[in-house]
C-alpha atoms as a PDB file:
ATOM      1  CA  MET A   1    -213.125  47.382   1.322  1.00  0.00           C
ATOM      2  CA  ARG A   2    -212.312  49.657   4.489  1.00  0.00           C
ATOM      3  CA  LYS A   3    -214.501  50.342   7.150  1.00  0.00           C
ATOM      4  CA  PRO A   4    -216.687  53.486   6.972  1.00  0.00           C
ATOM      5  CA  ARG A   5    -215.643  56.421   9.301  1.00  0.00           C
ATOM      6  CA  LEU A   6    -217.952  57.204  12.165  1.00  0.00           C
ATOM      7  CA  LEU A   7    -218.578  60.804  11.794  1.00  0.00           C
ATOM      8  CA  VAL A   8    -221.181  62.581  14.325  1.00  0.00           C
ATOM      9  CA  SER A   9    -222.017  66.173  13.782  1.00  0.00           C
ATOM     10  CA  GLY A  10    -221.275  68.147  17.112  1.00  0.00           C
ATOM     11  CA  ALA A  11    -218.991  65.184  18.298  1.00  0.00           C
ATOM     12  CA  ARG A  12    -215.710  65.505  19.613  1.00  0.00           C
ATOM     13  CA  TYR A  13    -212.713  63.188  18.239  1.00  0.00           C
ATOM     14  CA  HIS A  14    -209.395  61.596  19.804  1.00  0.00           C
ATOM     15  CA  VAL A  15    -207.554  61.723  16.294  1.00  0.00           C
ATOM     16  CA  THR A  16    -204.229  59.842  15.808  1.00  0.00           C
ATOM     17  CA  ALA A  17    -201.933  59.481  12.335  1.00  0.00           C
ATOM     18  CA  ARG A  18    -198.537  57.632  12.645  1.00  0.00           C
ATOM     19  CA  ILE A  19    -195.583  58.174  10.166  1.00  0.00           C
ATOM     20  CA  ASN A  20    -195.292  55.338   7.608  1.00  0.00           C
ATOM     21  CA  ASN A  21    -193.363  52.273   8.677  1.00  0.00           C
ATOM     22  CA  ARG A  22    -193.028  54.331  12.193  1.00  0.00           C
ATOM     23  CA  ALA A  23    -190.171  56.077  10.953  1.00  0.00           C
ATOM     24  CA  LEU A  24    -189.119  58.928  13.016  1.00  0.00           C
ATOM     25  CA  LEU A  25    -189.661  61.878  10.639  1.00  0.00           C
ATOM     26  CA  LEU A  26    -191.022  64.153  13.217  1.00  0.00           C
ATOM     27  CA  ARG A  27    -187.854  63.885  15.445  1.00  0.00           C
ATOM     28  CA  ARG A  28    -186.459  67.121  14.103  1.00  0.00           C
ATOM     29  CA  VAL A  29    -187.442  70.335  15.506  1.00  0.00           C
ATOM     30  CA  GLU A  30    -188.100  71.799  12.009  1.00  0.00           C
ATOM     31  CA  ALA A  31    -190.474  68.856  11.268  1.00  0.00           C
ATOM     32  CA  LYS A  32    -192.637  69.765  14.508  1.00  0.00           C
ATOM     33  CA  GLU A  33    -192.612  73.279  13.930  1.00  0.00           C
ATOM     34  CA  LEU A  34    -193.606  72.921  10.128  1.00  0.00           C
ATOM     35  CA  LEU A  35    -196.685  70.738  11.473  1.00  0.00           C
ATOM     36  CA  LEU A  36    -197.567  73.389  14.127  1.00  0.00           C
ATOM     37  CA  SER A  37    -197.619  75.959  11.209  1.00  0.00           C
ATOM     38  CA  VAL A  38    -199.822  73.855   8.994  1.00  0.00           C
ATOM     39  CA  ILE A  39    -202.233  73.335  11.900  1.00  0.00           C
ATOM     40  CA  ARG A  40    -202.200  77.091  12.329  1.00  0.00           C
ATOM     41  CA  ARG A  41    -203.330  77.470   8.621  1.00  0.00           C
ATOM     42  CA  ALA A  42    -205.829  74.782   8.863  1.00  0.00           C
ATOM     43  CA  ARG A  43    -207.447  76.653  11.964  1.00  0.00           C
ATOM     44  CA  ARG A  44    -207.633  79.616   9.415  1.00  0.00           C
ATOM     45  CA  LYS A  45    -209.256  77.587   6.803  1.00  0.00           C
ATOM     46  CA  TYR A  46    -211.624  75.377   8.740  1.00  0.00           C
ATOM     47  CA  ALA A  47    -213.925  75.748  11.826  1.00  0.00           C
ATOM     48  CA  PHE A  48    -212.589  73.463  14.578  1.00  0.00           C
ATOM     49  CA  ARG A  49    -211.121  73.714  17.963  1.00  0.00           C
ATOM     50  CA  ILE A  50    -208.332  71.765  19.463  1.00  0.00           C
ATOM     51  CA  ASP A  51    -208.356  70.897  22.911  1.00  0.00           C
ATOM     52  CA  ASN A  52    -204.960  68.991  23.229  1.00  0.00           C
ATOM     53  CA  PHE A  53    -202.541  67.485  20.903  1.00  0.00           C
ATOM     54  CA  CYS A  54    -199.093  66.244  20.996  1.00  0.00           C
ATOM     55  CA  ILE A  55    -196.398  65.617  18.367  1.00  0.00           C
ATOM     56  CA  MET A  56    -194.287  62.705  18.942  1.00  0.00           C
ATOM     57  CA  GLU A  57    -191.374  61.497  16.855  1.00  0.00           C
ATOM     58  CA  ASN A  58    -193.655  59.138  14.879  1.00  0.00           C
ATOM     59  CA  HIS A  59    -197.180  59.813  15.427  1.00  0.00           C
ATOM     60  CA  ILE A  60    -199.436  62.606  16.429  1.00  0.00           C
ATOM     61  CA  HIS A  61    -202.589  63.266  18.844  1.00  0.00           C
ATOM     62  CA  PHE A  62    -205.311  65.474  18.733  1.00  0.00           C
ATOM     63  CA  ILE A  63    -208.583  66.064  20.501  1.00  0.00           C
ATOM     64  CA  MET A  64    -210.551  67.766  18.000  1.00  0.00           C
ATOM     65  CA  TYR A  65    -213.818  69.203  17.670  1.00  0.00           C
ATOM     66  CA  PRO A  66    -215.017  70.291  14.134  1.00  0.00           C
ATOM     67  CA  LYS A  67    -217.635  72.942  14.346  1.00  0.00           C
ATOM     68  CA  SER A  68    -220.900  72.744  12.792  1.00  0.00           C
ATOM     69  CA  GLY A  69    -221.059  71.902   9.040  1.00  0.00           C
ATOM     70  CA  GLU A  70    -217.279  70.929   8.973  1.00  0.00           C
ATOM     71  CA  SER A  71    -216.089  67.544   8.113  1.00  0.00           C
ATOM     72  CA  LEU A  72    -213.400  65.865  10.344  1.00  0.00           C
ATOM     73  CA  SER A  73    -212.122  63.874   7.331  1.00  0.00           C
ATOM     74  CA  ASN A  74    -211.705  67.212   5.242  1.00  0.00           C
ATOM     75  CA  ILE A  75    -209.832  68.988   8.088  1.00  0.00           C
ATOM     76  CA  MET A  76    -207.546  65.736   8.568  1.00  0.00           C
ATOM     77  CA  ARG A  77    -206.960  65.216   5.065  1.00  0.00           C
ATOM     78  CA  TRP A  78    -205.861  68.774   4.523  1.00  0.00           C
ATOM     79  CA  ILE A  79    -203.635  68.831   7.343  1.00  0.00           C
ATOM     80  CA  LEU A  80    -201.832  65.598   6.774  1.00  0.00           C
ATOM     81  CA  GLY A  81    -201.761  66.278   2.842  1.00  0.00           C
ATOM     82  CA  VAL A  82    -200.335  69.911   3.277  1.00  0.00           C
ATOM     83  CA  PHE A  83    -197.771  68.735   5.963  1.00  0.00           C
ATOM     84  CA  ALA A  84    -196.864  65.608   3.940  1.00  0.00           C
ATOM     85  CA  ALA A  85    -195.842  67.602   0.792  1.00  0.00           C
ATOM     86  CA  ALA A  86    -193.925  70.399   2.729  1.00  0.00           C
ATOM     87  CA  LEU A  87    -192.286  67.703   5.037  1.00  0.00           C
ATOM     88  CA  ASN A  88    -191.157  65.985   1.660  1.00  0.00           C
ATOM     89  CA  ARG A  89    -189.837  69.454   0.224  1.00  0.00           C
ATOM     90  CA  LEU A  90    -187.800  70.031   3.613  1.00  0.00           C
ATOM     91  CA  LEU A  91    -186.337  66.876   3.853  1.00  0.00           C
ATOM     92  CA  GLY A  92    -185.798  66.423   0.023  1.00  0.00           C
ATOM     93  CA  ARG A  93    -187.569  63.529  -0.215  1.00  0.00           C
ATOM     94  CA  ARG A  94    -190.429  61.743  -2.239  1.00  0.00           C
ATOM     95  CA  GLY A  95    -193.297  59.254  -1.254  1.00  0.00           C
ATOM     96  CA  HIS A  96    -195.840  58.514   1.500  1.00  0.00           C
ATOM     97  CA  ILE A  97    -195.211  60.107   5.027  1.00  0.00           C
ATOM     98  CA  TRP A  98    -198.385  58.923   6.708  1.00  0.00           C
ATOM     99  CA  GLY A  99    -198.661  54.947   7.241  1.00  0.00           C
ATOM    100  CA  ASP A 100    -202.281  54.794   6.935  1.00  0.00           C
ATOM    101  CA  ARG A 101    -205.235  56.727   7.119  1.00  0.00           C
ATOM    102  CA  PHE A 102    -205.904  58.698  10.390  1.00  0.00           C
ATOM    103  CA  HIS A 103    -207.735  56.784  13.187  1.00  0.00           C
ATOM    104  CA  SER A 104    -210.512  58.847  15.200  1.00  0.00           C
ATOM    105  CA  TRP A 105    -212.759  57.636  18.271  1.00  0.00           C
ATOM    106  CA  ILE A 106    -215.720  59.624  19.468  1.00  0.00           C
ATOM    107  CA  ILE A 107    -215.003  61.024  22.944  1.00  0.00           C
ATOM    108  CA  ARG A 108    -218.481  60.454  24.422  1.00  0.00           C
ATOM    109  CA  ASN A 109    -218.628  61.747  28.151  1.00  0.00           C
ATOM    110  CA  ARG A 110    -216.608  63.781  30.558  1.00  0.00           C
ATOM    111  CA  GLN A 111    -214.683  60.820  31.839  1.00  0.00           C
ATOM    112  CA  ALA A 112    -213.320  59.632  28.469  1.00  0.00           C
ATOM    113  CA  PHE A 113    -212.451  63.011  27.433  1.00  0.00           C
ATOM    114  CA  LEU A 114    -210.217  63.301  30.773  1.00  0.00           C
ATOM    115  CA  LYS A 115    -208.909  60.063  30.494  1.00  0.00           C
ATOM    116  CA  THR A 116    -208.010  61.149  26.675  1.00  0.00           C
ATOM    117  CA  MET A 117    -206.444  64.456  27.924  1.00  0.00           C
ATOM    118  CA  GLU A 118    -204.025  62.471  30.307  1.00  0.00           C
ATOM    119  CA  TYR A 119    -203.085  59.978  27.916  1.00  0.00           C
ATOM    120  CA  ILE A 120    -201.983  62.523  25.561  1.00  0.00           C
ATOM    121  CA  ASP A 121    -200.316  64.543  28.127  1.00  0.00           C
ATOM    122  CA  MET A 122    -198.505  61.529  29.346  1.00  0.00           C
ATOM    123  CA  ASN A 123    -197.101  60.308  25.830  1.00  0.00           C
ATOM    124  CA  PRO A 124    -194.106  62.415  25.667  1.00  0.00           C
ATOM    125  CA  VAL A 125    -193.108  61.354  29.454  1.00  0.00           C
ATOM    126  CA  LYS A 126    -193.721  57.659  28.362  1.00  0.00           C
ATOM    127  CA  ALA A 127    -191.371  58.156  25.536  1.00  0.00           C
ATOM    128  CA  ALA A 128    -188.804  59.624  27.777  1.00  0.00           C
ATOM    129  CA  LEU A 129    -189.089  63.121  25.809  1.00  0.00           C
ATOM    130  CA  ALA A 130    -190.039  64.972  28.757  1.00  0.00           C
ATOM    131  CA  ASP A 131    -189.598  64.039  32.531  1.00  0.00           C
ATOM    132  CA  ARG A 132    -192.710  65.638  33.664  1.00  0.00           C
ATOM    133  CA  VAL A 133    -196.298  66.334  32.083  1.00  0.00           C
ATOM    134  CA  GLY A 134    -196.257  69.662  30.288  1.00  0.00           C
ATOM    135  CA  GLU A 135    -192.596  69.899  29.690  1.00  0.00           C
ATOM    136  CA  TRP A 136    -192.769  68.855  26.034  1.00  0.00           C
ATOM    137  CA  LYS A 137    -192.941  71.766  23.596  1.00  0.00           C
ATOM    138  CA  TYR A 138    -195.127  69.851  21.194  1.00  0.00           C
ATOM    139  CA  CYS A 139    -197.963  69.205  23.286  1.00  0.00           C
ATOM    140  CA  GLY A 140    -201.106  71.167  24.177  1.00  0.00           C
ATOM    141  CA  LEU A 141    -200.526  71.699  28.143  1.00  0.00           C
ATOM    142  CA  TRP A 142    -197.114  73.368  27.223  1.00  0.00           C
ATOM    143  CA  HIS A 143    -198.830  75.817  24.737  1.00  0.00           C
ATOM    144  CA  LEU A 144    -201.720  76.413  27.582  1.00  0.00           C
ATOM    145  CA  ARG A 145    -199.359  77.182  30.409  1.00  0.00           C
ATOM    146  CA  ARG A 146    -197.668  79.478  28.193  1.00  0.00           C
ATOM    147  CA  GLY A 147    -200.871  81.317  26.884  1.00  0.00           C
ATOM    148  CA  ARG A 148    -200.152  80.172  23.366  1.00  0.00           C
ATOM    149  CA  MET A 149    -203.529  79.764  21.868  1.00  0.00           C
ATOM    150  CA  ASP A 150    -202.851  79.720  18.318  1.00  0.00           C
ATOM    151  CA  ILE A 151    -203.023  76.044  18.128  1.00  0.00           C
ATOM    152  CA  LEU A 152    -205.550  75.202  21.029  1.00  0.00           C
ATOM    153  CA  GLY A 153    -208.905  76.478  20.759  1.00  0.00           C
ATOM    154  CA  THR A 154    -210.284  77.477  24.193  1.00  0.00           C
ATOM    155  CA  SER A 155    -208.488  78.525  27.564  1.00  0.00           C
ATOM    156  CA  PRO A 156    -209.081  76.037  29.556  1.00  0.00           C
ATOM    157  CA  PRO A 157    -210.607  73.251  27.239  1.00  0.00           C
ATOM    158  CA  VAL A 158    -214.271  73.001  27.255  1.00  0.00           C
ATOM    159  CA  GLN A 159    -215.365  69.519  28.999  1.00  0.00           C
ATOM    160  CA  PRO A 160    -218.324  67.501  27.432  1.00  0.00           C
END
């Protein structure tokens, strides 16, 4: 029996999801753009804010704040499910995209928030996808610097 997910109304979460077998299914630009499109659709369907995000080649990160009455599980189930079906169509494949259920941790204070923001921003640099923070097109800081707020919820992110 799996451990129940800790969900707290009004909480902000660091959310991650990994591609099955760590396959590099998000390496292609079309896959990353497809995921951004699904997130935009989810923002119209559900009430939540994304303070930061990063799409890597085999996993994703979000700092996500479901608004009152919304369920993190429902939001993520929709995003991951819709994306998996669309990516399978795009790639002409069948089967699982995601390796496991998504993971989430409550961000309890300002220090944890800032540390998580930095961790997400540094991901593409550590993976040699970008030379400097904010250069990776599939990260929140890149979008914020260009005023692209269709994924991010506020400018600048609201700290706890």
